[in-house]
């Protein structure tokens, strides 16, 4: 048995990395085509990307508007439901109270 801790054993099992090999120098001629791009082409590409982005944002805004309109219509349609439910319980209580009053009762509450 060895006196090494498990962490030390794991470190010993890891292969050593080889030093990076030197890459051949890149010739300047290969880099020049990137730098020689026509500024007009670059501007046109940027404009095209910007137009697409604007179109996506416009579509997103339209979708949000449609969703808000649908939610607003739903709120208007079903907005009174809570109040109607509360009123039903009150009306049911009043109806029960009315049926419990005798017809010949002359008290002010019965009137």
PDB file of N, CA and C in Angstrom:
ATOM      1  N   UNK A   1       0.825  -1.186   0.000  1.00  0.00           N
ATOM      2  CA  UNK A   1       0.000   0.000   0.000  1.00  0.00           C
ATOM      3  C   UNK A   1       0.862   1.239   0.000  1.00  0.00           C
ATOM      4  N   UNK A   2       0.342   2.274  -0.641  1.00  0.00           N
ATOM      5  CA  UNK A   2       1.111   3.509  -0.683  1.00  0.00           C
ATOM      6  C   UNK A   2       0.536   4.491   0.321  1.00  0.00           C
ATOM      7  N   UNK A   3       1.297   5.481   0.654  1.00  0.00           N
ATOM      8  CA  UNK A   3       0.869   6.485   1.620  1.00  0.00           C
ATOM      9  C   UNK A   3       0.171   7.662   0.940  1.00  0.00           C
ATOM     10  N   UNK A   4      -0.106   7.565  -0.343  1.00  0.00           N
ATOM     11  CA  UNK A   4      -0.714   8.667  -1.077  1.00  0.00           C
ATOM     12  C   UNK A   4      -2.191   8.778  -0.737  1.00  0.00           C
ATOM     13  N   UNK A   5      -2.703   9.978  -0.689  1.00  0.00           N
ATOM     14  CA  UNK A   5      -4.135  10.193  -0.500  1.00  0.00           C
ATOM     15  C   UNK A   5      -4.810  10.013  -1.856  1.00  0.00           C
ATOM     16  N   UNK A   6      -6.137   9.834  -1.856  1.00  0.00           N
ATOM     17  CA  UNK A   6      -6.824   9.640  -3.148  1.00  0.00           C
ATOM     18  C   UNK A   6      -6.621  10.805  -4.111  1.00  0.00           C
ATOM     19  N   UNK A   7      -6.533  12.029  -3.595  1.00  0.00           N
ATOM     20  CA  UNK A   7      -6.341  13.174  -4.483  1.00  0.00           C
ATOM     21  C   UNK A   7      -4.988  13.089  -5.175  1.00  0.00           C
ATOM     22  N   UNK A   8      -3.983  12.683  -4.430  1.00  0.00           N
ATOM     23  CA  UNK A   8      -2.653  12.571  -5.013  1.00  0.00           C
ATOM     24  C   UNK A   8      -2.611  11.468  -6.058  1.00  0.00           C
ATOM     25  N   UNK A   9      -3.345  10.377  -5.802  1.00  0.00           N
ATOM     26  CA  UNK A   9      -3.368   9.277  -6.755  1.00  0.00           C
ATOM     27  C   UNK A   9      -4.016   9.723  -8.060  1.00  0.00           C
ATOM     28  N   UNK A  10      -5.087  10.509  -7.949  1.00  0.00           N
ATOM     29  CA  UNK A  10      -5.759  10.993  -9.150  1.00  0.00           C
ATOM     30  C   UNK A  10      -4.845  11.914  -9.938  1.00  0.00           C
ATOM     31  N   UNK A  11      -4.097  12.726  -9.258  1.00  0.00           N
ATOM     32  CA  UNK A  11      -3.191  13.649  -9.932  1.00  0.00           C
ATOM     33  C   UNK A  11      -2.108  12.876 -10.664  1.00  0.00           C
ATOM     34  N   UNK A  12      -1.647  11.782 -10.073  1.00  0.00           N
ATOM     35  CA  UNK A  12      -0.605  10.985 -10.707  1.00  0.00           C
ATOM     36  C   UNK A  12      -1.111  10.296 -11.970  1.00  0.00           C
ATOM     37  N   UNK A  13      -2.413   9.971 -12.024  1.00  0.00           N
ATOM     38  CA  UNK A  13      -2.965   9.256 -13.167  1.00  0.00           C
ATOM     39  C   UNK A  13      -3.229  10.159 -14.365  1.00  0.00           C
ATOM     40  N   UNK A  14      -3.295  11.452 -14.157  1.00  0.00           N
ATOM     41  CA  UNK A  14      -3.597  12.377 -15.237  1.00  0.00           C
ATOM     42  C   UNK A  14      -2.359  12.529 -16.113  1.00  0.00           C
ATOM     43  N   UNK A  15      -2.505  12.313 -17.436  1.00  0.00           N
ATOM     44  CA  UNK A  15      -1.339  12.456 -18.318  1.00  0.00           C
ATOM     45  C   UNK A  15      -0.929  13.922 -18.414  1.00  0.00           C
ATOM     46  N   UNK A  16       0.314  14.137 -18.561  1.00  0.00           N
ATOM     47  CA  UNK A  16       0.828  15.493 -18.693  1.00  0.00           C
ATOM     48  C   UNK A  16       0.499  16.025 -20.074  1.00  0.00           C
ATOM     49  N   UNK A  17       0.190  17.306 -20.117  1.00  0.00           N
ATOM     50  CA  UNK A  17      -0.119  17.923 -21.399  1.00  0.00           C
ATOM     51  C   UNK A  17       1.175  18.216 -22.136  1.00  0.00           C
ATOM     52  N   UNK A  18       1.108  18.012 -23.424  1.00  0.00           N
ATOM     53  CA  UNK A  18       2.280  18.318 -24.231  1.00  0.00           C
ATOM     54  C   UNK A  18       2.315  19.814 -24.483  1.00  0.00           C
ATOM     55  N   UNK A  19       3.478  20.386 -24.534  1.00  0.00           N
ATOM     56  CA  UNK A  19       3.538  21.822 -24.816  1.00  0.00           C
ATOM     57  C   UNK A  19       2.983  22.076 -26.213  1.00  0.00           C
ATOM     58  N   UNK A  20       2.296  23.176 -26.379  1.00  0.00           N
ATOM     59  CA  UNK A  20       1.714  23.452 -27.702  1.00  0.00           C
ATOM     60  C   UNK A  20       2.805  23.586 -28.753  1.00  0.00           C
ATOM     61  N   UNK A  21       2.500  22.991 -29.879  1.00  0.00           N
ATOM     62  CA  UNK A  21       3.460  23.084 -30.979  1.00  0.00           C
ATOM     63  C   UNK A  21       3.282  24.434 -31.650  1.00  0.00           C
ATOM     64  N   UNK A  22       4.336  24.936 -32.162  1.00  0.00           N
ATOM     65  CA  UNK A  22       4.258  26.233 -32.820  1.00  0.00           C
ATOM     66  C   UNK A  22       3.559  26.077 -34.159  1.00  0.00           C
ATOM     67  N   UNK A  23       2.583  26.931 -34.368  1.00  0.00           N
ATOM     68  CA  UNK A  23       1.874  26.905 -35.634  1.00  0.00           C
ATOM     69  C   UNK A  23       2.705  27.672 -36.653  1.00  0.00           C
ATOM     70  N   UNK A  24       2.644  27.224 -37.879  1.00  0.00           N
ATOM     71  CA  UNK A  24       3.400  27.965 -38.888  1.00  0.00           C
ATOM     72  C   UNK A  24       2.845  29.379 -38.988  1.00  0.00           C
ATOM     73  N   UNK A  25       3.680  30.339 -39.180  1.00  0.00           N
ATOM     74  CA  UNK A  25       3.202  31.723 -39.257  1.00  0.00           C
ATOM     75  C   UNK A  25       2.246  31.886 -40.438  1.00  0.00           C
ATOM     76  N   UNK A  26       1.196  32.590 -40.175  1.00  0.00           N
ATOM     77  CA  UNK A  26       0.200  32.833 -41.212  1.00  0.00           C
ATOM     78  C   UNK A  26       0.723  33.946 -42.107  1.00  0.00           C
ATOM     79  N   UNK A  27       0.657  33.676 -43.367  1.00  0.00           N
ATOM     80  CA  UNK A  27       1.159  34.664 -44.312  1.00  0.00           C
ATOM     81  C   UNK A  27       0.219  35.862 -44.353  1.00  0.00           C
ATOM     82  N   UNK A  28       0.768  36.999 -44.574  1.00  0.00           N
ATOM     83  CA  UNK A  28      -0.030  38.209 -44.611  1.00  0.00           C
ATOM     84  C   UNK A  28      -0.998  38.204 -45.784  1.00  0.00           C
ATOM     85  N   UNK A  29      -0.689  37.487 -46.820  1.00  0.00           N
ATOM     86  CA  UNK A  29      -1.560  37.441 -47.994  1.00  0.00           C
ATOM     87  C   UNK A  29      -2.882  36.769 -47.648  1.00  0.00           C
ATOM     88  N   UNK A  30      -2.863  35.809 -46.729  1.00  0.00           N
ATOM     89  CA  UNK A  30      -4.098  35.133 -46.341  1.00  0.00           C
ATOM     90  C   UNK A  30      -4.986  36.046 -45.500  1.00  0.00           C
ATOM     91  N   UNK A  31      -4.421  36.955 -44.764  1.00  0.00           N
ATOM     92  CA  UNK A  31      -5.194  37.850 -43.922  1.00  0.00           C
ATOM     93  C   UNK A  31      -5.725  39.049 -44.691  1.00  0.00           C
ATOM     94  N   UNK A  32      -5.106  39.418 -45.768  1.00  0.00           N
ATOM     95  CA  UNK A  32      -5.482  40.615 -46.496  1.00  0.00           C
ATOM     96  C   UNK A  32      -6.895  40.590 -47.073  1.00  0.00           C
ATOM     97  N   UNK A  33      -7.411  39.448 -47.590  1.00  0.00           N
ATOM     98  CA  UNK A  33      -8.757  39.496 -48.151  1.00  0.00           C
ATOM     99  C   UNK A  33      -9.801  39.979 -47.140  1.00  0.00           C
ATOM    100  N   UNK A  34      -9.614  39.681 -45.859  1.00  0.00           N
ATOM    101  CA  UNK A  34     -10.543  40.170 -44.857  1.00  0.00           C
ATOM    102  C   UNK A  34     -10.477  41.682 -44.756  1.00  0.00           C
ATOM    103  N   UNK A  35      -9.277  42.208 -44.808  1.00  0.00           N
ATOM    104  CA  UNK A  35      -9.091  43.634 -44.657  1.00  0.00           C
ATOM    105  C   UNK A  35      -9.463  44.397 -45.921  1.00  0.00           C
ATOM    106  N   UNK A  36      -9.435  43.740 -47.070  1.00  0.00           N
ATOM    107  CA  UNK A  36      -9.688  44.414 -48.338  1.00  0.00           C
ATOM    108  C   UNK A  36     -11.164  44.440 -48.713  1.00  0.00           C
ATOM    109  N   UNK A  37     -12.038  44.057 -47.806  1.00  0.00           N
ATOM    110  CA  UNK A  37     -13.461  44.063 -48.139  1.00  0.00           C
ATOM    111  C   UNK A  37     -13.913  45.486 -48.424  1.00  0.00           C
ATOM    112  N   UNK A  38     -14.757  45.573 -49.393  1.00  0.00           N
ATOM    113  CA  UNK A  38     -15.278  46.870 -49.796  1.00  0.00           C
ATOM    114  C   UNK A  38     -16.154  47.430 -48.671  1.00  0.00           C
ATOM    115  N   UNK A  39     -15.935  48.650 -48.267  1.00  0.00           N
ATOM    116  CA  UNK A  39     -16.750  49.234 -47.193  1.00  0.00           C
ATOM    117  C   UNK A  39     -18.232  49.287 -47.546  1.00  0.00           C
ATOM    118  N   UNK A  40     -18.530  49.412 -48.824  1.00  0.00           N
ATOM    119  CA  UNK A  40     -19.923  49.426 -49.248  1.00  0.00           C
ATOM    120  C   UNK A  40     -20.575  48.076 -48.988  1.00  0.00           C
ATOM    121  N   UNK A  41     -19.853  46.991 -49.292  1.00  0.00           N
ATOM    122  CA  UNK A  41     -20.382  45.649 -49.041  1.00  0.00           C
ATOM    123  C   UNK A  41     -20.614  45.430 -47.554  1.00  0.00           C
ATOM    124  N   UNK A  42     -19.663  45.872 -46.755  1.00  0.00           N
ATOM    125  CA  UNK A  42     -19.797  45.730 -45.303  1.00  0.00           C
ATOM    126  C   UNK A  42     -21.022  46.497 -44.817  1.00  0.00           C
ATOM    127  N   UNK A  43     -21.196  47.705 -45.314  1.00  0.00           N
ATOM    128  CA  UNK A  43     -22.338  48.527 -44.918  1.00  0.00           C
ATOM    129  C   UNK A  43     -23.647  47.887 -45.360  1.00  0.00           C
ATOM    130  N   UNK A  44     -23.661  47.327 -46.574  1.00  0.00           N
ATOM    131  CA  UNK A  44     -24.873  46.671 -47.060  1.00  0.00           C
ATOM    132  C   UNK A  44     -25.216  45.445 -46.219  1.00  0.00           C
ATOM    133  N   UNK A  45     -24.202  44.672 -45.837  1.00  0.00           N
ATOM    134  CA  UNK A  45     -24.447  43.505 -44.991  1.00  0.00           C
ATOM    135  C   UNK A  45     -24.996  43.929 -43.631  1.00  0.00           C
ATOM    136  N   UNK A  46     -24.408  44.964 -43.059  1.00  0.00           N
ATOM    137  CA  UNK A  46     -24.884  45.452 -41.765  1.00  0.00           C
ATOM    138  C   UNK A  46     -26.313  45.966 -41.875  1.00  0.00           C
ATOM    139  N   UNK A  47     -26.628  46.641 -42.987  1.00  0.00           N
ATOM    140  CA  UNK A  47     -27.980  47.152 -43.194  1.00  0.00           C
ATOM    141  C   UNK A  47     -28.970  46.003 -43.325  1.00  0.00           C
ATOM    142  N   UNK A  48     -28.571  44.948 -44.026  1.00  0.00           N
ATOM    143  CA  UNK A  48     -29.440  43.782 -44.195  1.00  0.00           C
ATOM    144  C   UNK A  48     -29.720  43.120 -42.846  1.00  0.00           C
ATOM    145  N   UNK A  49     -28.680  42.976 -42.043  1.00  0.00           N
ATOM    146  CA  UNK A  49     -28.846  42.384 -40.712  1.00  0.00           C
ATOM    147  C   UNK A  49     -29.757  43.266 -39.861  1.00  0.00           C
ATOM    148  N   UNK A  50     -29.569  44.571 -39.943  1.00  0.00           N
ATOM    149  CA  UNK A  50     -30.389  45.504 -39.171  1.00  0.00           C
ATOM    150  C   UNK A  50     -31.850  45.439 -39.618  1.00  0.00           C
ATOM    151  N   UNK A  51     -32.089  45.331 -40.936  1.00  0.00           N
ATOM    152  CA  UNK A  51     -33.458  45.234 -41.442  1.00  0.00           C
ATOM    153  C   UNK A  51     -34.143  43.969 -40.936  1.00  0.00           C
ATOM    154  N   UNK A  52     -33.417  42.847 -40.931  1.00  0.00           N
ATOM    155  CA  UNK A  52     -33.987  41.601 -40.422  1.00  0.00           C
ATOM    156  C   UNK A  52     -34.328  41.734 -38.942  1.00  0.00           C
ATOM    157  N   UNK A  53     -33.419  42.334 -38.195  1.00  0.00           N
ATOM    158  CA  UNK A  53     -33.645  42.504 -36.763  1.00  0.00           C
ATOM    159  C   UNK A  53     -34.861  43.394 -36.510  1.00  0.00           C
ATOM    160  N   UNK A  54     -34.992  44.445 -37.295  1.00  0.00           N
ATOM    161  CA  UNK A  54     -36.143  45.340 -37.161  1.00  0.00           C
ATOM    162  C   UNK A  54     -37.427  44.596 -37.495  1.00  0.00           C
ATOM    163  N   UNK A  55     -37.401  43.769 -38.532  1.00  0.00           N
ATOM    164  CA  UNK A  55     -38.591  43.001 -38.909  1.00  0.00           C
ATOM    165  C   UNK A  55     -38.987  42.040 -37.790  1.00  0.00           C
ATOM    166  N   UNK A  56     -38.007  41.377 -37.172  1.00  0.00           N
ATOM    167  CA  UNK A  56     -38.304  40.465 -36.064  1.00  0.00           C
ATOM    168  C   UNK A  56     -38.893  41.223 -34.879  1.00  0.00           C
ATOM    169  N   UNK A  57     -38.325  42.379 -34.573  1.00  0.00           N
ATOM    170  CA  UNK A  57     -38.820  43.178 -33.444  1.00  0.00           C
ATOM    171  C   UNK A  57     -40.232  43.680 -33.728  1.00  0.00           C
ATOM    172  N   UNK A  58     -40.490  44.072 -34.976  1.00  0.00           N
ATOM    173  CA  UNK A  58     -41.819  44.540 -35.350  1.00  0.00           C
ATOM    174  C   UNK A  58     -42.841  43.416 -35.205  1.00  0.00           C
ATOM    175  N   UNK A  59     -42.484  42.220 -35.645  1.00  0.00           N
ATOM    176  CA  UNK A  59     -43.386  41.075 -35.505  1.00  0.00           C
ATOM    177  C   UNK A  59     -43.635  40.766 -34.032  1.00  0.00           C
ATOM    178  N   UNK A  60     -42.605  40.882 -33.229  1.00  0.00           N
ATOM    179  CA  UNK A  60     -42.757  40.624 -31.795  1.00  0.00           C
ATOM    180  C   UNK A  60     -43.698  41.650 -31.157  1.00  0.00           C
ATOM    181  N   UNK A  61     -43.568  42.904 -31.554  1.00  0.00           N
ATOM    182  CA  UNK A  61     -44.448  43.957 -31.032  1.00  0.00           C
ATOM    183  C   UNK A  61     -45.890  43.689 -31.434  1.00  0.00           C
ATOM    184  N   UNK A  62     -46.112  43.275 -32.676  1.00  0.00           N
ATOM    185  CA  UNK A  62     -47.467  42.968 -33.130  1.00  0.00           C
ATOM    186  C   UNK A  62     -48.053  41.799 -32.346  1.00  0.00           C
ATOM    187  N   UNK A  63     -47.241  40.782 -32.070  1.00  0.00           N
ATOM    188  CA  UNK A  63     -47.720  39.643 -31.288  1.00  0.00           C
ATOM    189  C   UNK A  63     -48.093  40.061 -29.875  1.00  0.00           C
ATOM    190  N   UNK A  64     -47.298  40.931 -29.276  1.00  0.00           N
ATOM    191  CA  UNK A  64     -47.606  41.406 -27.924  1.00  0.00           C
ATOM    192  C   UNK A  64     -48.903  42.201 -27.933  1.00  0.00           C
ATOM    193  N   UNK A  65     -49.086  43.048 -28.947  1.00  0.00           N
ATOM    194  CA  UNK A  65     -50.328  43.827 -29.042  1.00  0.00           C
ATOM    195  C   UNK A  65     -51.544  42.915 -29.177  1.00  0.00           C
ATOM    196  N   UNK A  66     -51.445  41.902 -30.039  1.00  0.00           N
ATOM    197  CA  UNK A  66     -52.567  40.976 -30.221  1.00  0.00           C
ATOM    198  C   UNK A  66     -52.884  40.245 -28.925  1.00  0.00           C
ATOM    199  N   UNK A  67     -51.828  39.803 -28.227  1.00  0.00           N
ATOM    200  CA  UNK A  67     -52.031  39.087 -26.971  1.00  0.00           C
ATOM    201  C   UNK A  67     -52.695  39.998 -25.930  1.00  0.00           C
ATOM    202  N   UNK A  68     -52.246  41.260 -25.861  1.00  0.00           N
ATOM    203  CA  UNK A  68     -52.837  42.198 -24.908  1.00  0.00           C
ATOM    204  C   UNK A  68     -54.295  42.488 -25.247  1.00  0.00           C
ATOM    205  N   UNK A  69     -54.601  42.617 -26.525  1.00  0.00           N
ATOM    206  CA  UNK A  69     -55.992  42.852 -26.931  1.00  0.00           C
ATOM    207  C   UNK A  69     -56.873  41.667 -26.556  1.00  0.00           C
ATOM    208  N   UNK A  70     -56.364  40.446 -26.754  1.00  0.00           N
ATOM    209  CA  UNK A  70     -57.133  39.256 -26.392  1.00  0.00           C
ATOM    210  C   UNK A  70     -57.338  39.190 -24.883  1.00  0.00           C
ATOM    211  N   UNK A  71     -56.298  39.509 -24.117  1.00  0.00           N
ATOM    212  CA  UNK A  71     -56.426  39.495 -22.661  1.00  0.00           C
ATOM    213  C   UNK A  71     -57.394  40.578 -22.189  1.00  0.00           C
ATOM    214  N   UNK A  72     -57.367  41.729 -22.841  1.00  0.00           N
ATOM    215  CA  UNK A  72     -58.274  42.817 -22.480  1.00  0.00           C
ATOM    216  C   UNK A  72     -59.722  42.417 -22.767  1.00  0.00           C
ATOM    217  N   UNK A  73     -59.951  41.816 -23.928  1.00  0.00           N
ATOM    218  CA  UNK A  73     -61.305  41.379 -24.274  1.00  0.00           C
ATOM    219  C   UNK A  73     -61.798  40.322 -23.287  1.00  0.00           C
ATOM    220  N   UNK A  74     -60.911  39.425 -22.899  1.00  0.00           N
ATOM    221  CA  UNK A  74     -61.281  38.388 -21.933  1.00  0.00           C
ATOM    222  C   UNK A  74     -61.591  39.005 -20.570  1.00  0.00           C
ATOM    223  N   UNK A  75     -60.813  39.994 -20.171  1.00  0.00           N
ATOM    224  CA  UNK A  75     -61.049  40.658 -18.885  1.00  0.00           C
ATOM    225  C   UNK A  75     -62.380  41.392 -18.898  1.00  0.00           C
ATOM    226  N   UNK A  76     -62.706  42.025 -20.020  1.00  0.00           N
ATOM    227  CA  UNK A  76     -63.990  42.719 -20.124  1.00  0.00           C
ATOM    228  C   UNK A  76     -65.136  41.716 -20.094  1.00  0.00           C
ATOM    229  N   UNK A  77     -64.967  40.612 -20.818  1.00  0.00           N
ATOM    230  CA  UNK A  77     -66.029  39.617 -20.905  1.00  0.00           C
ATOM    231  C   UNK A  77     -66.273  38.936 -19.558  1.00  0.00           C
ATOM    232  N   UNK A  78     -65.198  38.556 -18.875  1.00  0.00           N
ATOM    233  CA  UNK A  78     -65.343  37.796 -17.644  1.00  0.00           C
ATOM    234  C   UNK A  78     -65.038  38.617 -16.394  1.00  0.00           C
ATOM    235  N   UNK A  79     -64.834  39.905 -16.530  1.00  0.00           N
ATOM    236  CA  UNK A  79     -64.482  40.750 -15.395  1.00  0.00           C
ATOM    237  C   UNK A  79     -65.571  40.838 -14.352  1.00  0.00           C
ATOM    238  N   UNK A  80     -66.816  40.790 -14.757  1.00  0.00           N
ATOM    239  CA  UNK A  80     -67.936  40.886 -13.825  1.00  0.00           C
ATOM    240  C   UNK A  80     -68.283  39.581 -13.145  1.00  0.00           C
ATOM    241  N   UNK A  81     -67.590  38.514 -13.486  1.00  0.00           N
ATOM    242  CA  UNK A  81     -67.913  37.205 -12.905  1.00  0.00           C
ATOM    243  C   UNK A  81     -67.749  37.198 -11.390  1.00  0.00           C
ATOM    244  N   UNK A  82     -66.706  37.804 -10.883  1.00  0.00           N
ATOM    245  CA  UNK A  82     -66.471  37.810  -9.439  1.00  0.00           C
ATOM    246  C   UNK A  82     -67.590  38.520  -8.701  1.00  0.00           C
ATOM    247  N   UNK A  83     -67.982  39.669  -9.223  1.00  0.00           N
ATOM    248  CA  UNK A  83     -69.063  40.418  -8.586  1.00  0.00           C
ATOM    249  C   UNK A  83     -70.378  39.660  -8.699  1.00  0.00           C
ATOM    250  N   UNK A  84     -70.627  39.036  -9.832  1.00  0.00           N
ATOM    251  CA  UNK A  84     -71.862  38.270 -10.008  1.00  0.00           C
ATOM    252  C   UNK A  84     -71.916  37.113  -9.017  1.00  0.00           C
ATOM    253  N   UNK A  85     -70.811  36.445  -8.787  1.00  0.00           N
ATOM    254  CA  UNK A  85     -70.792  35.342  -7.818  1.00  0.00           C
ATOM    255  C   UNK A  85     -71.086  35.847  -6.410  1.00  0.00           C
ATOM    256  N   UNK A  86     -70.499  36.988  -6.054  1.00  0.00           N
ATOM    257  CA  UNK A  86     -70.772  37.544  -4.720  1.00  0.00           C
ATOM    258  C   UNK A  86     -72.233  37.949  -4.598  1.00  0.00           C
ATOM    259  N   UNK A  87     -72.783  38.514  -5.668  1.00  0.00           N
ATOM    260  CA  UNK A  87     -74.189  38.931  -5.640  1.00  0.00           C
ATOM    261  C   UNK A  87     -75.120  37.731  -5.538  1.00  0.00           C
ATOM    262  N   UNK A  88     -74.767  36.623  -6.159  1.00  0.00           N
ATOM    263  CA  UNK A  88     -75.607  35.429  -6.080  1.00  0.00           C
ATOM    264  C   UNK A  88     -75.741  34.935  -4.651  1.00  0.00           C
ATOM    265  N   UNK A  89     -74.654  34.959  -3.901  1.00  0.00           N
ATOM    266  CA  UNK A  89     -74.743  34.507  -2.509  1.00  0.00           C
ATOM    267  C   UNK A  89     -75.617  35.453  -1.697  1.00  0.00           C
ATOM    268  N   UNK A  90     -75.507  36.752  -1.929  1.00  0.00           N
ATOM    269  CA  UNK A  90     -76.342  37.721  -1.213  1.00  0.00           C
ATOM    270  C   UNK A  90     -77.803  37.531  -1.596  1.00  0.00           C
ATOM    271  N   UNK A  91     -78.067  37.384  -2.889  1.00  0.00           N
ATOM    272  CA  UNK A  91     -79.448  37.195  -3.343  1.00  0.00           C
ATOM    273  C   UNK A  91     -80.041  35.892  -2.813  1.00  0.00           C
ATOM    274  N   UNK A  92     -79.230  34.857  -2.724  1.00  0.00           N
ATOM    275  CA  UNK A  92     -79.719  33.594  -2.173  1.00  0.00           C
ATOM    276  C   UNK A  92     -80.085  33.768  -0.705  1.00  0.00           C
ATOM    277  N   UNK A  93     -79.288  34.521   0.043  1.00  0.00           N
ATOM    278  CA  UNK A  93     -79.599  34.779   1.450  1.00  0.00           C
ATOM    279  C   UNK A  93     -80.882  35.594   1.582  1.00  0.00           C
ATOM    280  N   UNK A  94     -81.056  36.604   0.738  1.00  0.00           N
ATOM    281  CA  UNK A  94     -82.274  37.425   0.767  1.00  0.00           C
ATOM    282  C   UNK A  94     -83.484  36.568   0.414  1.00  0.00           C
ATOM    283  N   UNK A  95     -83.347  35.703  -0.563  1.00  0.00           N
ATOM    284  CA  UNK A  95     -84.451  34.832  -0.972  1.00  0.00           C
ATOM    285  C   UNK A  95     -84.861  33.907   0.168  1.00  0.00           C
ATOM    286  N   UNK A  96     -83.880  33.327   0.866  1.00  0.00           N
ATOM    287  CA  UNK A  96     -84.196  32.458   2.008  1.00  0.00           C
ATOM    288  C   UNK A  96     -84.877  33.253   3.123  1.00  0.00           C
ATOM    289  N   UNK A  97     -84.424  34.471   3.337  1.00  0.00           N
ATOM    290  CA  UNK A  97     -85.045  35.298   4.376  1.00  0.00           C
ATOM    291  C   UNK A  97     -86.483  35.631   4.007  1.00  0.00           C
ATOM    292  N   UNK A  98     -86.726  35.889   2.743  1.00  0.00           N
ATOM    293  CA  UNK A  98     -88.082  36.230   2.291  1.00  0.00           C
ATOM    294  C   UNK A  98     -89.028  35.042   2.432  1.00  0.00           C
ATOM    295  N   UNK A  99     -88.555  33.845   2.165  1.00  0.00           N
ATOM    296  CA  UNK A  99     -89.432  32.674   2.288  1.00  0.00           C
ATOM    297  C   UNK A  99     -89.716  32.350   3.750  1.00  0.00           C
ATOM    298  N   UNK A 100     -88.863  32.783   4.660  1.00  0.00           N
ATOM    299  CA  UNK A 100     -89.073  32.506   6.079  1.00  0.00           C
ATOM    300  C   UNK A 100     -90.047  33.467   6.739  1.00  0.00           C
ATOM    301  N   UNK A 101     -90.396  34.535   6.085  1.00  0.00           N
ATOM    302  CA  UNK A 101     -91.322  35.518   6.655  1.00  0.00           C
ATOM    303  C   UNK A 101     -92.748  35.078   6.335  1.00  0.00           C
ATOM    304  N   UNK A 102     -93.577  35.110   7.348  1.00  0.00           N
ATOM    305  CA  UNK A 102     -94.989  34.758   7.133  1.00  0.00           C
ATOM    306  C   UNK A 102     -95.695  35.921   6.457  1.00  0.00           C
ATOM    307  N   UNK A 103     -96.720  35.638   5.698  1.00  0.00           N
ATOM    308  CA  UNK A 103     -97.417  36.667   4.924  1.00  0.00           C
ATOM    309  C   UNK A 103     -98.162  37.660   5.807  1.00  0.00           C
ATOM    310  N   UNK A 104     -98.629  37.235   6.936  1.00  0.00           N
ATOM    311  CA  UNK A 104     -99.401  38.142   7.785  1.00  0.00           C
ATOM    312  C   UNK A 104     -98.527  38.832   8.842  1.00  0.00           C
ATOM    313  N   UNK A 105     -97.210  38.724   8.711  1.00  0.00           N
ATOM    314  CA  UNK A 105     -96.278  39.354   9.653  1.00  0.00           C
ATOM    315  C   UNK A 105     -96.265  40.858   9.395  1.00  0.00           C
ATOM    316  N   UNK A 106     -96.501  41.646  10.431  1.00  0.00           N
ATOM    317  CA  UNK A 106     -96.585  43.096  10.301  1.00  0.00           C
ATOM    318  C   UNK A 106     -95.348  43.818  10.849  1.00  0.00           C
ATOM    319  N   UNK A 107     -94.284  43.094  11.134  1.00  0.00           N
ATOM    320  CA  UNK A 107     -93.084  43.730  11.687  1.00  0.00           C
ATOM    321  C   UNK A 107     -92.405  44.586  10.608  1.00  0.00           C
ATOM    322  N   UNK A 108     -91.661  45.622  11.047  1.00  0.00           N
ATOM    323  CA  UNK A 108     -91.006  46.492  10.058  1.00  0.00           C
ATOM    324  C   UNK A 108     -90.010  45.738   9.173  1.00  0.00           C
ATOM    325  N   UNK A 109     -89.387  44.680   9.702  1.00  0.00           N
ATOM    326  CA  UNK A 109     -88.436  43.908   8.906  1.00  0.00           C
ATOM    327  C   UNK A 109     -89.165  43.194   7.779  1.00  0.00           C
ATOM    328  N   UNK A 110     -90.340  42.702   8.039  1.00  0.00           N
ATOM    329  CA  UNK A 110     -91.105  41.956   7.041  1.00  0.00           C
ATOM    330  C   UNK A 110     -91.651  42.872   5.969  1.00  0.00           C
ATOM    331  N   UNK A 111     -91.834  44.147   6.305  1.00  0.00           N
ATOM    332  CA  UNK A 111     -92.398  45.078   5.344  1.00  0.00           C
ATOM    333  C   UNK A 111     -91.388  45.318   4.272  1.00  0.00           C
TER     334      UNK A 111
END
